[in-house]
Amino acid sequence: MPATAPRTGDATASEWNLGLGETIGRAELHQHYGGRIHPRISPSRASQNVFLFTTNVSLFDAPAALFDGWTGEHVHFTGEGGTAGTDQVLTHGNKSVLHHHAEGRTLRLLHQRPDAQEVTYLGHLHLDSDCPYVWADAPCDPRRPLEIARRLVFRLRPVFSPPPGFLPTTSPVTWTPQIRTDATPALLLDPSPAQRAAAKLLTSYSRYLRAADGTELLHYRVRPAAALAELSAHHDPTRNELVAVLPTLARPAIWAALGELQDLTRFMDQRPDRALLLPAAPDHDLAELLHHAGTTAIWPVDPYSFLRTQPLNNGEYH
């Protein structure tokens, strides 16, 4: 329900009059309680409040609210700053969140709808004293998905009551790696053209393995310790081979996939061989790169069959 904010002269800015779930215009909020109207994190000079604004879309600096959510125990709140491929740092608004207790400030979480200037109060929070934040990797801008940098994710506890709705449900942080097996690869709700091409390539290769070797790929979801995002892995148990799928032969994508494979193999009980599933045959230089990286290339020759690199004694590949 809409809140009745204190009228000028009726109350000081330090008196908090919003109840849990009440709504107020953002401009009116700042008029009475201080703070700036645009940032995600808005410390107030007029009151001892630090306002945290979450949203369900990239309303502020995209993708600002990527890791915001409610775990059932903690509110995850993504920090601010970090543009053009740079990491977020503990300065400005992020610093005010980290030091709110020492500075005698109150963290107040509000939800702002993308189509309105009103905000809804979700509660009074404080940082988890044991682990106040974790780091997560994410694109700085969805238009440049390869520019990955670190994002701060604060772990906040409600002081009185859990936040009423609005926040998406998210998984809590775990301190040991988690690995689970899926019968089929995880489906994305809104896949990009590249993701659709990769899924089509993987489906074709899975069908080929069943027909040629009677092998079913195992699809793993790997979540490293203290990480918020899962990594996907595809394992050929007959060859003990971990397979990464790429819809392109572009070298930066190859470099990233090689690093991903190197990362994922450490979670497997028996160290697997590594392979890249590519959309076409690699040229000689790329095949040599993969050979030096100890990685096999696999590619389709028609809709029903695949080839793979095999190093020969004379250094050539077929």
Protein backbone atom coordinates (compact mmCIF):
# COMPACT_ATOMS: atom_id res chain seq x y z
CA MET A 1 0.00 0.00 0.00
CA PRO A 2 1.20 3.58 -0.53
CA ALA A 3 3.02 5.06 2.41
CA THR A 4 2.40 8.37 4.08
CA ALA A 5 5.81 10.04 4.21
CA PRO A 6 6.50 12.69 6.82
CA ARG A 7 5.57 16.15 5.64
CA THR A 8 8.26 18.78 5.76
CA GLY A 9 8.33 20.16 9.29
CA ASP A 10 6.41 17.16 10.74
CA ALA A 11 9.41 14.90 11.27
CA THR A 12 13.13 14.94 10.96
CA ALA A 13 14.84 13.06 8.17
CA SER A 14 16.23 10.55 10.65
CA GLU A 15 12.76 9.26 11.61
CA TRP A 16 11.79 6.30 9.47
CA ASN A 17 8.08 6.10 8.68
CA LEU A 18 7.87 3.46 5.95
CA GLY A 19 6.48 0.05 6.81
CA LEU A 20 7.47 -3.22 5.21
CA GLY A 21 5.83 -3.53 1.77
CA GLU A 22 4.78 0.13 1.60
CA THR A 23 5.35 2.14 -1.57
CA ILE A 24 6.56 5.71 -2.08
CA GLY A 25 7.78 7.76 -5.02
CA ARG A 26 11.54 7.64 -5.25
CA ALA A 27 11.85 11.41 -5.54
CA GLU A 28 9.66 11.78 -2.44
CA LEU A 29 11.78 9.21 -0.58
CA HIS A 30 14.94 11.23 -1.21
CA GLN A 31 13.20 14.50 -0.43
CA HIS A 32 12.38 13.31 3.07
CA TYR A 33 15.23 10.93 3.87
CA GLY A 34 18.09 12.19 1.72
CA GLY A 35 20.25 10.28 -0.77
CA ARG A 36 20.68 10.59 -4.52
CA ILE A 37 17.96 9.65 -6.97
CA HIS A 38 19.92 7.70 -9.60
CA PRO A 39 22.45 5.22 -8.11
CA ARG A 40 21.71 1.65 -7.05
CA ILE A 41 23.44 2.39 -3.75
CA SER A 42 22.48 5.75 -2.31
CA PRO A 43 24.01 6.85 1.03
CA SER A 44 22.16 9.70 2.66
CA ARG A 45 23.75 12.79 4.23
CA ALA A 46 20.42 13.85 5.71
CA SER A 47 19.84 10.63 7.65
CA GLN A 48 21.80 7.59 8.80
CA ASN A 49 20.47 5.46 5.94
CA VAL A 50 22.07 3.74 2.97
CA PHE A 51 19.42 2.94 0.37
CA LEU A 52 19.83 -0.15 -1.82
CA PHE A 53 17.65 -0.29 -4.94
CA THR A 54 16.98 -3.55 -6.70
CA THR A 55 15.00 -4.18 -9.86
CA ASN A 56 13.97 -7.13 -12.00
CA VAL A 57 15.61 -5.75 -15.14
CA SER A 58 18.74 -3.80 -15.99
CA LEU A 59 17.27 -0.46 -14.99
CA PHE A 60 20.54 1.05 -13.74
CA ASP A 61 23.98 0.10 -15.08
CA ALA A 62 23.32 -3.12 -16.97
CA PRO A 63 23.30 -5.82 -15.82
CA ALA A 64 23.31 -4.27 -12.37
CA ALA A 65 20.91 -6.58 -10.57
CA LEU A 66 22.19 -9.82 -12.11
CA PHE A 67 22.88 -11.57 -8.79
CA ASP A 68 20.17 -9.95 -6.65
CA GLY A 69 17.96 -12.49 -4.93
CA TRP A 70 16.66 -14.13 -1.76
CA THR A 71 18.15 -17.44 -0.59
CA GLY A 72 15.75 -18.01 2.29
CA GLU A 73 18.41 -16.73 4.70
CA HIS A 74 20.34 -14.01 2.90
CA VAL A 75 19.58 -11.24 0.46
CA HIS A 76 22.18 -11.19 -2.30
CA PHE A 77 22.72 -7.66 -3.57
CA THR A 78 25.05 -6.88 -6.47
CA GLY A 79 27.46 -4.00 -5.96
CA GLU A 80 27.78 -0.99 -8.21
CA GLY A 81 30.47 0.33 -10.54
CA GLY A 82 32.90 -1.56 -12.74
CA THR A 83 32.48 -0.65 -16.41
CA ALA A 84 34.29 -1.36 -19.67
CA GLY A 85 35.72 -4.67 -18.51
CA THR A 86 36.92 -3.54 -15.07
CA ASP A 87 36.23 -5.16 -11.71
CA GLN A 88 34.02 -3.57 -9.09
CA VAL A 89 35.92 -2.20 -6.10
CA LEU A 90 35.08 -1.41 -2.49
CA THR A 91 34.79 2.34 -2.91
CA HIS A 92 31.94 4.89 -3.00
CA GLY A 93 28.56 3.17 -2.58
CA ASN A 94 30.09 -0.27 -2.11
CA LYS A 95 32.26 1.09 0.69
CA SER A 96 29.24 2.60 2.43
CA VAL A 97 27.58 -0.84 2.46
CA LEU A 98 30.70 -2.59 3.75
CA HIS A 99 31.22 -0.09 6.60
CA HIS A 100 27.57 0.65 7.43
CA HIS A 101 27.77 -0.84 10.93
CA ALA A 102 30.96 1.01 11.90
CA GLU A 103 29.47 4.26 10.61
CA GLY A 104 26.17 3.76 12.44
CA ARG A 105 24.17 3.57 9.20
CA THR A 106 21.09 1.49 8.41
CA LEU A 107 20.85 -0.49 5.18
CA ARG A 108 17.36 -0.24 3.66
CA LEU A 109 16.40 -2.33 0.64
CA LEU A 110 13.81 -1.04 -1.85
CA HIS A 111 12.43 -2.47 -5.06
CA GLN A 112 11.94 -0.17 -8.06
CA ARG A 113 9.74 -1.33 -10.89
CA PRO A 114 11.16 -0.60 -14.35
CA ASP A 115 8.00 1.12 -15.54
CA ALA A 116 7.43 3.35 -12.52
CA GLN A 117 9.10 5.96 -10.36
CA GLU A 118 7.75 4.35 -7.20
CA VAL A 119 9.74 2.12 -4.87
CA THR A 120 8.59 -0.51 -2.38
CA TYR A 121 10.31 -0.92 0.97
CA LEU A 122 11.65 -4.47 1.46
CA GLY A 123 13.22 -4.09 4.85
CA HIS A 124 16.12 -3.25 7.15
CA LEU A 125 19.25 -5.35 6.50
CA HIS A 126 22.73 -5.83 7.85
CA LEU A 127 25.82 -7.50 6.42
CA ASP A 128 26.57 -11.10 7.30
CA SER A 129 29.41 -10.80 9.82
CA ASP A 130 31.12 -14.07 8.83
CA CYS A 131 31.12 -13.50 5.07
CA PRO A 132 29.91 -10.02 4.08
CA TYR A 133 30.39 -10.52 0.34
CA VAL A 134 31.56 -12.90 -2.38
CA TRP A 135 32.80 -12.30 -5.92
CA ALA A 136 31.02 -13.38 -9.10
CA ASP A 137 32.03 -13.18 -12.76
CA ALA A 138 29.67 -11.49 -15.19
CA PRO A 139 29.62 -9.35 -18.35
CA CYS A 140 29.85 -5.62 -17.69
CA ASP A 141 27.48 -4.98 -20.58
CA PRO A 142 25.19 -7.54 -22.28
CA ARG A 143 26.17 -6.00 -25.62
CA ARG A 144 29.77 -7.13 -24.99
CA PRO A 145 29.38 -10.61 -23.46
CA LEU A 146 33.09 -11.46 -23.72
CA GLU A 147 34.09 -8.57 -21.44
CA ILE A 148 33.86 -10.48 -18.17
CA ALA A 149 34.81 -8.86 -14.87
CA ARG A 150 34.28 -9.46 -11.17
CA ARG A 151 31.14 -8.29 -9.43
CA LEU A 152 30.70 -7.79 -5.70
CA VAL A 153 27.73 -9.63 -4.26
CA PHE A 154 26.86 -8.55 -0.73
CA ARG A 155 25.33 -11.11 1.64
CA LEU A 156 22.72 -9.35 3.76
CA ARG A 157 20.50 -10.62 6.55
CA PRO A 158 17.05 -9.18 7.33
CA VAL A 159 17.01 -7.56 10.78
CA PHE A 160 13.31 -8.17 11.44
CA SER A 161 11.38 -9.95 8.68
CA PRO A 162 12.17 -11.61 5.33
CA PRO A 163 11.68 -9.30 2.33
CA PRO A 164 8.08 -9.45 1.03
CA GLY A 165 8.20 -10.84 -2.51
CA PHE A 166 9.77 -8.97 -5.45
CA LEU A 167 13.20 -10.60 -5.14
CA PRO A 168 13.86 -13.69 -7.26
CA THR A 169 14.79 -16.88 -5.45
CA THR A 170 18.48 -17.71 -5.69
CA SER A 171 20.76 -20.44 -4.33
CA PRO A 172 22.79 -19.80 -1.19
CA VAL A 173 26.58 -19.69 -1.23
CA THR A 174 28.20 -23.05 -0.47
CA TRP A 175 31.71 -23.54 0.83
CA THR A 176 32.44 -26.85 -0.90
CA PRO A 177 32.20 -27.59 -4.65
CA GLN A 178 28.90 -29.07 -5.79
CA ILE A 179 28.59 -31.38 -8.79
CA ARG A 180 25.35 -32.80 -10.11
CA THR A 181 24.50 -34.82 -13.18
CA ASP A 182 21.67 -33.92 -15.55
CA ALA A 183 20.05 -36.40 -17.90
CA THR A 184 19.87 -33.64 -20.49
CA PRO A 185 21.69 -30.30 -20.81
CA ALA A 186 20.15 -27.41 -18.93
CA LEU A 187 17.87 -25.36 -21.18
CA LEU A 188 18.14 -21.59 -21.28
CA LEU A 189 14.96 -19.55 -21.12
CA ASP A 190 16.05 -17.07 -23.77
CA PRO A 191 19.08 -18.49 -25.64
CA SER A 192 21.13 -16.33 -27.96
CA PRO A 193 21.75 -17.43 -31.57
CA ALA A 194 25.20 -18.67 -30.52
CA GLN A 195 23.73 -20.67 -27.65
CA ARG A 196 21.13 -22.20 -29.96
CA ALA A 197 23.87 -23.16 -32.44
CA ALA A 198 25.93 -24.76 -29.65
CA ALA A 199 22.90 -26.72 -28.40
CA LYS A 200 22.17 -27.98 -31.93
CA LEU A 201 25.80 -29.08 -32.36
CA LEU A 202 25.76 -30.90 -29.02
CA THR A 203 22.50 -32.66 -29.87
CA SER A 204 23.94 -33.85 -33.17
CA TYR A 205 27.12 -35.13 -31.51
CA SER A 206 25.13 -36.90 -28.79
CA ARG A 207 23.08 -38.68 -31.46
CA TYR A 208 26.29 -39.68 -33.27
CA LEU A 209 27.84 -41.15 -30.09
CA ARG A 210 24.74 -43.22 -29.37
CA ALA A 211 24.74 -44.66 -32.90
CA ALA A 212 28.51 -45.18 -33.26
CA ASP A 213 29.59 -46.21 -29.75
CA GLY A 214 26.43 -46.76 -27.75
CA THR A 215 27.62 -43.93 -25.49
CA GLU A 216 25.45 -41.44 -23.65
CA LEU A 217 27.06 -38.13 -22.75
CA LEU A 218 26.83 -37.20 -19.09
CA HIS A 219 25.92 -33.56 -18.50
CA TYR A 220 27.33 -32.04 -15.33
CA ARG A 221 26.49 -28.86 -13.49
CA VAL A 222 29.52 -27.76 -11.47
CA ARG A 223 29.34 -25.06 -8.83
CA PRO A 224 32.74 -24.12 -7.37
CA ALA A 225 33.09 -23.28 -3.69
CA ALA A 226 31.85 -19.79 -2.75
CA ALA A 227 30.56 -19.27 -6.29
CA LEU A 228 27.09 -18.12 -7.33
CA ALA A 229 27.06 -19.38 -10.91
CA GLU A 230 27.20 -22.97 -12.17
CA LEU A 231 29.49 -24.21 -14.91
CA SER A 232 28.33 -26.80 -17.44
CA ALA A 233 30.36 -29.80 -18.54
CA HIS A 234 29.74 -32.70 -20.92
CA HIS A 235 31.54 -35.98 -20.28
CA ASP A 236 32.05 -38.94 -22.61
CA PRO A 237 32.45 -41.84 -20.14
CA THR A 238 33.68 -44.30 -22.81
CA ARG A 239 36.69 -42.13 -23.63
CA ASN A 240 36.82 -40.37 -20.23
CA GLU A 241 36.73 -37.15 -22.19
CA LEU A 242 35.41 -33.77 -21.08
CA VAL A 243 33.85 -31.94 -24.02
CA ALA A 244 33.31 -28.19 -24.38
CA VAL A 245 31.00 -27.02 -27.16
CA LEU A 246 31.78 -23.99 -29.32
CA PRO A 247 29.67 -22.58 -32.18
CA THR A 248 32.69 -20.69 -33.57
CA LEU A 249 36.36 -21.16 -34.47
CA ALA A 250 37.24 -17.62 -33.36
CA ARG A 251 40.50 -17.67 -31.43
CA PRO A 252 39.31 -15.72 -28.35
CA ALA A 253 36.49 -18.22 -27.94
CA ILE A 254 38.98 -21.11 -28.29
CA TRP A 255 41.21 -19.58 -25.59
CA ALA A 256 38.25 -19.19 -23.25
CA ALA A 257 37.10 -22.78 -23.85
CA LEU A 258 40.58 -24.18 -23.19
CA GLY A 259 40.64 -22.34 -19.87
CA GLU A 260 37.15 -23.61 -19.05
CA LEU A 261 38.20 -27.21 -19.70
CA GLN A 262 41.32 -26.78 -17.58
CA ASP A 263 39.18 -25.40 -14.78
CA LEU A 264 36.54 -28.13 -14.93
CA THR A 265 38.86 -31.15 -15.08
CA ARG A 266 39.97 -30.55 -11.50
CA PHE A 267 36.46 -31.38 -10.27
CA MET A 268 36.47 -34.87 -11.84
CA ASP A 269 37.54 -37.88 -9.77
CA GLN A 270 39.50 -39.41 -12.64
CA ARG A 271 41.29 -36.66 -14.57
CA PRO A 272 39.64 -36.75 -18.02
CA ASP A 273 41.07 -35.95 -21.43
CA ARG A 274 39.88 -32.70 -22.97
CA ALA A 275 38.06 -32.07 -26.25
CA LEU A 276 36.47 -29.16 -28.12
CA LEU A 277 33.36 -29.80 -30.17
CA LEU A 278 33.64 -27.32 -33.07
CA PRO A 279 31.29 -26.40 -35.94
CA ALA A 280 33.92 -27.14 -38.64
CA ALA A 281 37.41 -28.58 -39.08
CA PRO A 282 40.20 -26.51 -37.51
CA ASP A 283 42.93 -25.18 -39.77
CA HIS A 284 46.50 -26.39 -39.28
CA ASP A 285 47.48 -23.60 -36.88
CA LEU A 286 44.44 -24.09 -34.68
CA ALA A 287 44.93 -27.86 -34.66
CA GLU A 288 48.52 -27.32 -33.57
CA LEU A 289 47.38 -25.00 -30.78
CA LEU A 290 44.95 -27.63 -29.52
CA HIS A 291 47.65 -30.30 -29.76
CA HIS A 292 49.99 -28.25 -27.58
CA ALA A 293 47.09 -27.70 -25.16
CA GLY A 294 46.51 -31.47 -24.98
CA THR A 295 43.01 -31.05 -26.39
CA THR A 296 41.26 -32.96 -29.19
CA ALA A 297 39.15 -31.18 -31.80
CA ILE A 298 35.87 -32.81 -32.88
CA TRP A 299 33.75 -31.55 -35.78
CA PRO A 300 30.89 -32.72 -38.04
CA VAL A 301 31.50 -33.85 -41.61
CA ASP A 302 27.78 -34.31 -42.27
CA PRO A 303 24.66 -34.42 -40.09
CA TYR A 304 25.42 -37.99 -39.01
CA SER A 305 29.21 -38.32 -38.56
CA PHE A 306 32.11 -36.55 -36.88
CA LEU A 307 35.89 -36.51 -37.17
CA ARG A 308 38.56 -35.68 -34.61
CA THR A 309 42.17 -34.54 -34.73
CA GLN A 310 44.80 -37.25 -34.50
CA PRO A 311 48.43 -36.07 -34.26
CA LEU A 312 50.83 -37.98 -36.52
CA ASN A 313 54.58 -38.45 -36.20
CA ASN A 314 55.33 -35.86 -38.88
CA GLY A 315 53.39 -33.18 -37.04
CA GLU A 316 50.46 -33.18 -39.48
CA TYR A 317 46.84 -33.65 -38.41
CA HIS A 318 43.85 -35.36 -39.90
